Amino acid sequence: MTDYGSRAERWVAQKWPAIRARGMWRFVLLKGVAFWGGLMFAFLAIMMLVQFGAAHPRFPLLLAVALPLCAIGGLCWGLLTWYFNERIYRALQTSR
């Protein structure tokens, strides 16, 4: 294995081919929407629960608004992460 400069380059060189083989949408949906979006939703739900309390009349509405926003944020994160990892991977492939 070639020793690449940054930690991101080493990670992409080692792990990205297997992730890439599973497909973009699997990565985006699992890592982006489910993982990142889910963590953000859980964080926001806990913060709203602490701030307003479960008895607040608008608490369900806040959760209902946060859920699709976190899913959209996770989708964007997944797509951007895929795009940048692909750029790094292709650059590493052409430099060989």
PDB file of N, CA and C in Angstrom:
ATOM      1  N   MET A   1       0.833  -1.183   0.000  1.00  0.00           N
ATOM      2  CA  MET A   1       0.000   0.000   0.000  1.00  0.00           C
ATOM      3  C   MET A   1       0.876   1.243   0.000  1.00  0.00           C
ATOM      4  N   THR A   2       0.472   2.196  -0.766  1.00  0.00           N
ATOM      5  CA  THR A   2       1.188   3.461  -0.821  1.00  0.00           C
ATOM      6  C   THR A   2       0.816   4.294   0.395  1.00  0.00           C
ATOM      7  N   ASP A   3       1.786   5.007   0.936  1.00  0.00           N
ATOM      8  CA  ASP A   3       1.528   5.869   2.077  1.00  0.00           C
ATOM      9  C   ASP A   3       1.035   7.214   1.569  1.00  0.00           C
ATOM     10  N   TYR A   4      -0.214   7.520   1.834  1.00  0.00           N
ATOM     11  CA  TYR A   4      -0.816   8.767   1.383  1.00  0.00           C
ATOM     12  C   TYR A   4      -0.615   9.831   2.445  1.00  0.00           C
ATOM     13  N   GLY A   5      -0.778  11.092   2.049  1.00  0.00           N
ATOM     14  CA  GLY A   5      -0.489  12.216   2.925  1.00  0.00           C
ATOM     15  C   GLY A   5      -1.419  12.369   4.106  1.00  0.00           C
ATOM     16  N   SER A   6      -2.681  12.622   3.862  1.00  0.00           N
ATOM     17  CA  SER A   6      -3.594  12.942   4.947  1.00  0.00           C
ATOM     18  C   SER A   6      -4.327  11.697   5.443  1.00  0.00           C
ATOM     19  N   ARG A   7      -4.925  11.855   6.591  1.00  0.00           N
ATOM     20  CA  ARG A   7      -5.710  10.765   7.179  1.00  0.00           C
ATOM     21  C   ARG A   7      -6.888  10.431   6.272  1.00  0.00           C
ATOM     22  N   ALA A   8      -7.514  11.460   5.683  1.00  0.00           N
ATOM     23  CA  ALA A   8      -8.643  11.239   4.777  1.00  0.00           C
ATOM     24  C   ALA A   8      -8.216  10.435   3.548  1.00  0.00           C
ATOM     25  N   GLU A   9      -7.053  10.752   3.015  1.00  0.00           N
ATOM     26  CA  GLU A   9      -6.567  10.010   1.848  1.00  0.00           C
ATOM     27  C   GLU A   9      -6.299   8.553   2.199  1.00  0.00           C
ATOM     28  N   ARG A  10      -5.710   8.309   3.355  1.00  0.00           N
ATOM     29  CA  ARG A  10      -5.456   6.922   3.770  1.00  0.00           C
ATOM     30  C   ARG A  10      -6.763   6.169   3.959  1.00  0.00           C
ATOM     31  N   TRP A  11      -7.756   6.825   4.582  1.00  0.00           N
ATOM     32  CA  TRP A  11      -9.045   6.184   4.814  1.00  0.00           C
ATOM     33  C   TRP A  11      -9.715   5.853   3.484  1.00  0.00           C
ATOM     34  N   VAL A  12      -9.724   6.809   2.562  1.00  0.00           N
ATOM     35  CA  VAL A  12     -10.360   6.584   1.263  1.00  0.00           C
ATOM     36  C   VAL A  12      -9.651   5.463   0.509  1.00  0.00           C
ATOM     37  N   ALA A  13      -8.339   5.454   0.549  1.00  0.00           N
ATOM     38  CA  ALA A  13      -7.587   4.417  -0.167  1.00  0.00           C
ATOM     39  C   ALA A  13      -7.880   3.033   0.392  1.00  0.00           C
ATOM     40  N   GLN A  14      -8.083   2.920   1.698  1.00  0.00           N
ATOM     41  CA  GLN A  14      -8.295   1.613   2.324  1.00  0.00           C
ATOM     42  C   GLN A  14      -9.755   1.183   2.319  1.00  0.00           C
ATOM     43  N   LYS A  15     -10.664   2.065   2.706  1.00  0.00           N
ATOM     44  CA  LYS A  15     -12.053   1.677   2.956  1.00  0.00           C
ATOM     45  C   LYS A  15     -13.021   1.983   1.811  1.00  0.00           C
ATOM     46  N   TRP A  16     -12.720   3.001   1.033  1.00  0.00           N
ATOM     47  CA  TRP A  16     -13.698   3.458   0.059  1.00  0.00           C
ATOM     48  C   TRP A  16     -14.049   2.440  -1.019  1.00  0.00           C
ATOM     49  N   PRO A  17     -13.114   1.641  -1.544  1.00  0.00           N
ATOM     50  CA  PRO A  17     -13.515   0.687  -2.593  1.00  0.00           C
ATOM     51  C   PRO A  17     -14.630  -0.266  -2.154  1.00  0.00           C
ATOM     52  N   ALA A  18     -14.599  -0.749  -0.927  1.00  0.00           N
ATOM     53  CA  ALA A  18     -15.655  -1.654  -0.445  1.00  0.00           C
ATOM     54  C   ALA A  18     -16.975  -0.911  -0.262  1.00  0.00           C
ATOM     55  N   ILE A  19     -16.918   0.301   0.276  1.00  0.00           N
ATOM     56  CA  ILE A  19     -18.132   1.107   0.457  1.00  0.00           C
ATOM     57  C   ILE A  19     -18.713   1.477  -0.902  1.00  0.00           C
ATOM     58  N   ARG A  20     -17.848   1.841  -1.797  1.00  0.00           N
ATOM     59  CA  ARG A  20     -18.243   2.242  -3.150  1.00  0.00           C
ATOM     60  C   ARG A  20     -18.925   1.094  -3.893  1.00  0.00           C
ATOM     61  N   ALA A  21     -18.441  -0.119  -3.668  1.00  0.00           N
ATOM     62  CA  ALA A  21     -19.005  -1.290  -4.345  1.00  0.00           C
ATOM     63  C   ALA A  21     -20.453  -1.554  -3.912  1.00  0.00           C
ATOM     64  N   ARG A  22     -20.812  -1.153  -2.700  1.00  0.00           N
ATOM     65  CA  ARG A  22     -22.184  -1.354  -2.216  1.00  0.00           C
ATOM     66  C   ARG A  22     -23.166  -0.353  -2.809  1.00  0.00           C
ATOM     67  N   GLY A  23     -22.674   0.737  -3.339  1.00  0.00           N
ATOM     68  CA  GLY A  23     -23.549   1.686  -4.020  1.00  0.00           C
ATOM     69  C   GLY A  23     -23.739   2.998  -3.281  1.00  0.00           C
ATOM     70  N   MET A  24     -23.977   4.029  -4.091  1.00  0.00           N
ATOM     71  CA  MET A  24     -24.130   5.371  -3.545  1.00  0.00           C
ATOM     72  C   MET A  24     -25.378   5.498  -2.673  1.00  0.00           C
ATOM     73  N   TRP A  25     -26.515   4.993  -3.139  1.00  0.00           N
ATOM     74  CA  TRP A  25     -27.751   5.217  -2.397  1.00  0.00           C
ATOM     75  C   TRP A  25     -27.778   4.460  -1.085  1.00  0.00           C
ATOM     76  N   ARG A  26     -27.145   3.314  -1.034  1.00  0.00           N
ATOM     77  CA  ARG A  26     -27.050   2.603   0.240  1.00  0.00           C
ATOM     78  C   ARG A  26     -26.249   3.448   1.235  1.00  0.00           C
ATOM     79  N   PHE A  27     -25.126   4.007   0.780  1.00  0.00           N
ATOM     80  CA  PHE A  27     -24.311   4.861   1.635  1.00  0.00           C
ATOM     81  C   PHE A  27     -25.098   6.085   2.081  1.00  0.00           C
ATOM     82  N   VAL A  28     -25.744   6.755   1.134  1.00  0.00           N
ATOM     83  CA  VAL A  28     -26.464   7.992   1.446  1.00  0.00           C
ATOM     84  C   VAL A  28     -27.607   7.715   2.422  1.00  0.00           C
ATOM     85  N   LEU A  29     -28.364   6.657   2.183  1.00  0.00           N
ATOM     86  CA  LEU A  29     -29.499   6.372   3.052  1.00  0.00           C
ATOM     87  C   LEU A  29     -29.079   5.867   4.428  1.00  0.00           C
ATOM     88  N   LEU A  30     -28.081   4.985   4.475  1.00  0.00           N
ATOM     89  CA  LEU A  30     -27.671   4.439   5.771  1.00  0.00           C
ATOM     90  C   LEU A  30     -26.810   5.409   6.571  1.00  0.00           C
ATOM     91  N   LYS A  31     -25.741   5.881   5.956  1.00  0.00           N
ATOM     92  CA  LYS A  31     -24.817   6.767   6.681  1.00  0.00           C
ATOM     93  C   LYS A  31     -25.335   8.191   6.801  1.00  0.00           C
ATOM     94  N   GLY A  32     -26.005   8.676   5.757  1.00  0.00           N
ATOM     95  CA  GLY A  32     -26.485  10.050   5.757  1.00  0.00           C
ATOM     96  C   GLY A  32     -27.804  10.213   6.482  1.00  0.00           C
ATOM     97  N   VAL A  33     -28.858   9.641   5.897  1.00  0.00           N
ATOM     98  CA  VAL A  33     -30.202   9.856   6.435  1.00  0.00           C
ATOM     99  C   VAL A  33     -30.385   9.135   7.775  1.00  0.00           C
ATOM    100  N   ALA A  34     -30.089   7.832   7.810  1.00  0.00           N
ATOM    101  CA  ALA A  34     -30.358   7.074   9.033  1.00  0.00           C
ATOM    102  C   ALA A  34     -29.391   7.431  10.164  1.00  0.00           C
ATOM    103  N   PHE A  35     -28.090   7.424   9.875  1.00  0.00           N
ATOM    104  CA  PHE A  35     -27.122   7.648  10.950  1.00  0.00           C
ATOM    105  C   PHE A  35     -26.994   9.125  11.311  1.00  0.00           C
ATOM    106  N   TRP A  36     -26.560   9.945  10.350  1.00  0.00           N
ATOM    107  CA  TRP A  36     -26.333  11.362  10.662  1.00  0.00           C
ATOM    108  C   TRP A  36     -27.643  12.080  10.949  1.00  0.00           C
ATOM    109  N   GLY A  37     -28.649  11.883  10.092  1.00  0.00           N
ATOM    110  CA  GLY A  37     -29.952  12.503  10.316  1.00  0.00           C
ATOM    111  C   GLY A  37     -30.608  12.011  11.597  1.00  0.00           C
ATOM    112  N   GLY A  38     -30.448  10.715  11.873  1.00  0.00           N
ATOM    113  CA  GLY A  38     -31.010  10.159  13.110  1.00  0.00           C
ATOM    114  C   GLY A  38     -30.344  10.719  14.352  1.00  0.00           C
ATOM    115  N   LEU A  39     -29.026  10.843  14.314  1.00  0.00           N
ATOM    116  CA  LEU A  39     -28.327  11.432  15.463  1.00  0.00           C
ATOM    117  C   LEU A  39     -28.728  12.888  15.681  1.00  0.00           C
ATOM    118  N   MET A  40     -28.845  13.624  14.597  1.00  0.00           N
ATOM    119  CA  MET A  40     -29.260  15.021  14.720  1.00  0.00           C
ATOM    120  C   MET A  40     -30.681  15.128  15.256  1.00  0.00           C
ATOM    121  N   PHE A  41     -31.570  14.257  14.798  1.00  0.00           N
ATOM    122  CA  PHE A  41     -32.942  14.280  15.303  1.00  0.00           C
ATOM    123  C   PHE A  41     -32.976  13.938  16.787  1.00  0.00           C
ATOM    124  N   ALA A  42     -32.224  12.924  17.186  1.00  0.00           N
ATOM    125  CA  ALA A  42     -32.186  12.558  18.610  1.00  0.00           C
ATOM    126  C   ALA A  42     -31.637  13.711  19.448  1.00  0.00           C
ATOM    127  N   PHE A  43     -30.571  14.343  18.975  1.00  0.00           N
ATOM    128  CA  PHE A  43     -29.992  15.484  19.683  1.00  0.00           C
ATOM    129  C   PHE A  43     -31.010  16.623  19.802  1.00  0.00           C
ATOM    130  N   LEU A  44     -31.662  16.959  18.693  1.00  0.00           N
ATOM    131  CA  LEU A  44     -32.653  18.028  18.722  1.00  0.00           C
ATOM    132  C   LEU A  44     -33.837  17.675  19.612  1.00  0.00           C
ATOM    133  N   ALA A  45     -34.288  16.429  19.570  1.00  0.00           N
ATOM    134  CA  ALA A  45     -35.411  16.012  20.416  1.00  0.00           C
ATOM    135  C   ALA A  45     -35.050  16.139  21.891  1.00  0.00           C
ATOM    136  N   ILE A  46     -33.848  15.722  22.247  1.00  0.00           N
ATOM    137  CA  ILE A  46     -33.415  15.833  23.644  1.00  0.00           C
ATOM    138  C   ILE A  46     -33.299  17.298  24.048  1.00  0.00           C
ATOM    139  N   MET A  47     -32.729  18.107  23.177  1.00  0.00           N
ATOM    140  CA  MET A  47     -32.592  19.536  23.490  1.00  0.00           C
ATOM    141  C   MET A  47     -33.955  20.215  23.629  1.00  0.00           C
ATOM    142  N   MET A  48     -34.902  19.882  22.769  1.00  0.00           N
ATOM    143  CA  MET A  48     -36.247  20.458  22.873  1.00  0.00           C
ATOM    144  C   MET A  48     -36.959  19.957  24.122  1.00  0.00           C
ATOM    145  N   LEU A  49     -36.744  18.696  24.464  1.00  0.00           N
ATOM    146  CA  LEU A  49     -37.338  18.138  25.671  1.00  0.00           C
ATOM    147  C   LEU A  49     -36.810  18.856  26.907  1.00  0.00           C
ATOM    148  N   VAL A  50     -35.508  19.116  26.937  1.00  0.00           N
ATOM    149  CA  VAL A  50     -34.909  19.833  28.063  1.00  0.00           C
ATOM    150  C   VAL A  50     -35.389  21.281  28.091  1.00  0.00           C
ATOM    151  N   GLN A  51     -35.439  21.920  26.936  1.00  0.00           N
ATOM    152  CA  GLN A  51     -35.811  23.332  26.862  1.00  0.00           C
ATOM    153  C   GLN A  51     -37.295  23.567  27.166  1.00  0.00           C
ATOM    154  N   PHE A  52     -38.162  22.781  26.532  1.00  0.00           N
ATOM    155  CA  PHE A  52     -39.599  23.042  26.629  1.00  0.00           C
ATOM    156  C   PHE A  52     -40.348  22.064  27.523  1.00  0.00           C
ATOM    157  N   GLY A  53     -39.865  20.842  27.642  1.00  0.00           N
ATOM    158  CA  GLY A  53     -40.571  19.810  28.392  1.00  0.00           C
ATOM    159  C   GLY A  53     -41.569  19.086  27.504  1.00  0.00           C
ATOM    160  N   ALA A  54     -41.860  17.854  27.858  1.00  0.00           N
ATOM    161  CA  ALA A  54     -42.761  17.033  27.051  1.00  0.00           C
ATOM    162  C   ALA A  54     -44.199  17.532  27.115  1.00  0.00           C
ATOM    163  N   ALA A  55     -44.543  18.278  28.143  1.00  0.00           N
ATOM    164  CA  ALA A  55     -45.915  18.766  28.303  1.00  0.00           C
ATOM    165  C   ALA A  55     -46.203  20.021  27.488  1.00  0.00           C
ATOM    166  N   HIS A  56     -45.188  20.605  26.882  1.00  0.00           N
ATOM    167  CA  HIS A  56     -45.393  21.821  26.086  1.00  0.00           C
ATOM    168  C   HIS A  56     -46.338  21.503  24.931  1.00  0.00           C
ATOM    169  N   PRO A  57     -47.325  22.361  24.694  1.00  0.00           N
ATOM    170  CA  PRO A  57     -48.318  22.043  23.654  1.00  0.00           C
ATOM    171  C   PRO A  57     -47.739  21.975  22.237  1.00  0.00           C
ATOM    172  N   ARG A  58     -46.623  22.615  21.991  1.00  0.00           N
ATOM    173  CA  ARG A  58     -46.047  22.590  20.639  1.00  0.00           C
ATOM    174  C   ARG A  58     -44.911  21.573  20.493  1.00  0.00           C
ATOM    175  N   PHE A  59     -44.644  20.797  21.514  1.00  0.00           N
ATOM    176  CA  PHE A  59     -43.561  19.814  21.448  1.00  0.00           C
ATOM    177  C   PHE A  59     -43.747  18.822  20.296  1.00  0.00           C
ATOM    178  N   PRO A  60     -44.945  18.241  20.109  1.00  0.00           N
ATOM    179  CA  PRO A  60     -45.112  17.327  18.958  1.00  0.00           C
ATOM    180  C   PRO A  60     -44.907  18.020  17.614  1.00  0.00           C
ATOM    181  N   LEU A  61     -45.334  19.265  17.512  1.00  0.00           N
ATOM    182  CA  LEU A  61     -45.138  20.014  16.275  1.00  0.00           C
ATOM    183  C   LEU A  61     -43.651  20.251  16.013  1.00  0.00           C
ATOM    184  N   LEU A  62     -42.916  20.580  17.054  1.00  0.00           N
ATOM    185  CA  LEU A  62     -41.467  20.780  16.905  1.00  0.00           C
ATOM    186  C   LEU A  62     -40.784  19.498  16.438  1.00  0.00           C
ATOM    187  N   LEU A  63     -41.199  18.368  17.004  1.00  0.00           N
ATOM    188  CA  LEU A  63     -40.634  17.085  16.567  1.00  0.00           C
ATOM    189  C   LEU A  63     -41.017  16.789  15.114  1.00  0.00           C
ATOM    190  N   ALA A  64     -42.256  17.105  14.755  1.00  0.00           N
ATOM    191  CA  ALA A  64     -42.715  16.847  13.393  1.00  0.00           C
ATOM    192  C   ALA A  64     -41.974  17.712  12.373  1.00  0.00           C
ATOM    193  N   VAL A  65     -41.559  18.891  12.762  1.00  0.00           N
ATOM    194  CA  VAL A  65     -40.788  19.749  11.872  1.00  0.00           C
ATOM    195  C   VAL A  65     -39.326  19.304  11.832  1.00  0.00           C
ATOM    196  N   ALA A  66     -38.795  18.898  12.988  1.00  0.00           N
ATOM    197  CA  ALA A  66     -37.388  18.501  13.069  1.00  0.00           C
ATOM    198  C   ALA A  66     -37.103  17.222  12.287  1.00  0.00           C
ATOM    199  N   LEU A  67     -38.032  16.289  12.269  1.00  0.00           N
ATOM    200  CA  LEU A  67     -37.785  15.001  11.609  1.00  0.00           C
ATOM    201  C   LEU A  67     -37.476  15.144  10.120  1.00  0.00           C
ATOM    202  N   PRO A  68     -38.319  15.797   9.324  1.00  0.00           N
ATOM    203  CA  PRO A  68     -37.955  15.915   7.898  1.00  0.00           C
ATOM    204  C   PRO A  68     -36.735  16.813   7.661  1.00  0.00           C
ATOM    205  N   LEU A  69     -36.561  17.828   8.497  1.00  0.00           N
ATOM    206  CA  LEU A  69     -35.380  18.676   8.328  1.00  0.00           C
ATOM    207  C   LEU A  69     -34.094  17.893   8.591  1.00  0.00           C
ATOM    208  N   CYS A  70     -34.094  17.058   9.603  1.00  0.00           N
ATOM    209  CA  CYS A  70     -32.916  16.232   9.885  1.00  0.00           C
ATOM    210  C   CYS A  70     -32.698  15.195   8.792  1.00  0.00           C
ATOM    211  N   ALA A  71     -33.780  14.654   8.242  1.00  0.00           N
ATOM    212  CA  ALA A  71     -33.650  13.697   7.135  1.00  0.00           C
ATOM    213  C   ALA A  71     -33.057  14.381   5.905  1.00  0.00           C
ATOM    214  N   ILE A  72     -33.522  15.586   5.612  1.00  0.00           N
ATOM    215  CA  ILE A  72     -32.975  16.338   4.474  1.00  0.00           C
ATOM    216  C   ILE A  72     -31.511  16.685   4.727  1.00  0.00           C
ATOM    217  N   GLY A  73     -31.194  17.090   5.949  1.00  0.00           N
ATOM    218  CA  GLY A  73     -29.800  17.369   6.297  1.00  0.00           C
ATOM    219  C   GLY A  73     -28.928  16.133   6.159  1.00  0.00           C
ATOM    220  N   GLY A  74     -29.430  14.987   6.578  1.00  0.00           N
ATOM    221  CA  GLY A  74     -28.690  13.732   6.431  1.00  0.00           C
ATOM    222  C   GLY A  74     -28.497  13.347   4.978  1.00  0.00           C
ATOM    223  N   LEU A  75     -29.519  13.593   4.171  1.00  0.00           N
ATOM    224  CA  LEU A  75     -29.407  13.324   2.737  1.00  0.00           C
ATOM    225  C   LEU A  75     -28.322  14.190   2.120  1.00  0.00           C
ATOM    226  N   CYS A  76     -28.326  15.465   2.459  1.00  0.00           N
ATOM    227  CA  CYS A  76     -27.294  16.386   1.940  1.00  0.00           C
ATOM    228  C   CYS A  76     -25.906  15.982   2.419  1.00  0.00           C
ATOM    229  N   TRP A  77     -25.793  15.627   3.692  1.00  0.00           N
ATOM    230  CA  TRP A  77     -24.505  15.198   4.235  1.00  0.00           C
ATOM    231  C   TRP A  77     -24.013  13.947   3.508  1.00  0.00           C
ATOM    232  N   GLY A  78     -24.895  12.989   3.300  1.00  0.00           N
ATOM    233  CA  GLY A  78     -24.510  11.766   2.611  1.00  0.00           C
ATOM    234  C   GLY A  78     -24.064  12.010   1.186  1.00  0.00           C
ATOM    235  N   LEU A  79     -24.809  12.849   0.473  1.00  0.00           N
ATOM    236  CA  LEU A  79     -24.440  13.147  -0.917  1.00  0.00           C
ATOM    237  C   LEU A  79     -23.112  13.899  -1.000  1.00  0.00           C
ATOM    238  N   LEU A  80     -22.926  14.882  -0.131  1.00  0.00           N
ATOM    239  CA  LEU A  80     -21.661  15.626  -0.141  1.00  0.00           C
ATOM    240  C   LEU A  80     -20.483  14.741   0.254  1.00  0.00           C
ATOM    241  N   THR A  81     -20.683  13.898   1.244  1.00  0.00           N
ATOM    242  CA  THR A  81     -19.618  12.993   1.665  1.00  0.00           C
ATOM    243  C   THR A  81     -19.251  12.038   0.535  1.00  0.00           C
ATOM    244  N   TRP A  82     -20.266  11.499  -0.136  1.00  0.00           N
ATOM    245  CA  TRP A  82     -20.014  10.624  -1.282  1.00  0.00           C
ATOM    246  C   TRP A  82     -19.230  11.361  -2.362  1.00  0.00           C
ATOM    247  N   TYR A  83     -19.658  12.570  -2.686  1.00  0.00           N
ATOM    248  CA  TYR A  83     -19.021  13.358  -3.734  1.00  0.00           C
ATOM    249  C   TYR A  83     -17.544  13.625  -3.413  1.00  0.00           C
ATOM    250  N   PHE A  84     -17.261  14.068  -2.199  1.00  0.00           N
ATOM    251  CA  PHE A  84     -15.876  14.386  -1.844  1.00  0.00           C
ATOM    252  C   PHE A  84     -15.010  13.134  -1.736  1.00  0.00           C
ATOM    253  N   ASN A  85     -15.547  12.043  -1.222  1.00  0.00           N
ATOM    254  CA  ASN A  85     -14.780  10.801  -1.169  1.00  0.00           C
ATOM    255  C   ASN A  85     -14.496  10.279  -2.573  1.00  0.00           C
ATOM    256  N   GLU A  86     -15.449  10.422  -3.468  1.00  0.00           N
ATOM    257  CA  GLU A  86     -15.220  10.029  -4.863  1.00  0.00           C
ATOM    258  C   GLU A  86     -14.114  10.871  -5.498  1.00  0.00           C
ATOM    259  N   ARG A  87     -14.115  12.162  -5.230  1.00  0.00           N
ATOM    260  CA  ARG A  87     -13.060  13.031  -5.774  1.00  0.00           C
ATOM    261  C   ARG A  87     -11.693  12.613  -5.250  1.00  0.00           C
ATOM    262  N   ILE A  88     -11.599  12.349  -3.960  1.00  0.00           N
ATOM    263  CA  ILE A  88     -10.323  11.918  -3.381  1.00  0.00           C
ATOM    264  C   ILE A  88      -9.910  10.582  -3.979  1.00  0.00           C
ATOM    265  N   TYR A  89     -10.861   9.644  -4.077  1.00  0.00           N
ATOM    266  CA  TYR A  89     -10.565   8.308  -4.600  1.00  0.00           C
ATOM    267  C   TYR A  89     -10.064   8.381  -6.050  1.00  0.00           C
ATOM    268  N   ARG A  90     -10.743   9.160  -6.861  1.00  0.00           N
ATOM    269  CA  ARG A  90     -10.334   9.283  -8.277  1.00  0.00           C
ATOM    270  C   ARG A  90      -8.986   9.962  -8.400  1.00  0.00           C
ATOM    271  N   ALA A  91      -8.730  10.949  -7.565  1.00  0.00           N
ATOM    272  CA  ALA A  91      -7.429  11.624  -7.595  1.00  0.00           C
ATOM    273  C   ALA A  91      -6.315  10.667  -7.200  1.00  0.00           C
ATOM    274  N   LEU A  92      -6.592   9.824  -6.207  1.00  0.00           N
ATOM    275  CA  LEU A  92      -5.591   8.842  -5.787  1.00  0.00           C
ATOM    276  C   LEU A  92      -5.356   7.801  -6.880  1.00  0.00           C
ATOM    277  N   GLN A  93      -6.434   7.438  -7.592  1.00  0.00           N
ATOM    278  CA  GLN A  93      -6.289   6.451  -8.668  1.00  0.00           C
ATOM    279  C   GLN A  93      -5.486   6.996  -9.828  1.00  0.00           C
ATOM    280  N   THR A  94      -5.664   8.273 -10.144  1.00  0.00           N
ATOM    281  CA  THR A  94      -4.914   8.852 -11.273  1.00  0.00           C
ATOM    282  C   THR A  94      -3.474   9.158 -10.900  1.00  0.00           C
ATOM    283  N   SER A  95      -3.188   9.310  -9.609  1.00  0.00           N
ATOM    284  CA  SER A  95      -1.814   9.608  -9.200  1.00  0.00           C
ATOM    285  C   SER A  95      -0.937   8.361  -9.124  1.00  0.00           C
ATOM    286  N   ARG A  96      -1.543   7.205  -9.236  1.00  0.00           N
ATOM    287  CA  ARG A  96      -0.764   5.954  -9.160  1.00  0.00           C
ATOM    288  C   ARG A  96      -0.019   5.698 -10.414  1.00  0.00           C
TER     289      ARG A  96
END
